[in-house]
């Protein structure tokens, strides 16, 4: 996710533990490393990067979603695994 996703990039995502899983869309607002997120080096054993995004359609006030890519190459939102498709 880190090497492909850029600020302004739109993507679809599904929370994998929801039945049925509703496809949602979002737009990337920031891509951060562990250091930029203000975490110590030990978090590098668990997380590879952080992506902040807002969901489409936009709501007022805008809700920021924080996606984390783990070193297991899975992506998580609020601790739940999600699948992501770049648009």
Foldseek 3Di string as FASTA:
>chain_A
DQVPADAQWKKWKWQVVDVVTDIWMKGWHDKAACVRVVHDPVCLQWFGIKTWIFTPPADVVTDIWIWTQTPVRFIDTPRTTMDMDTD
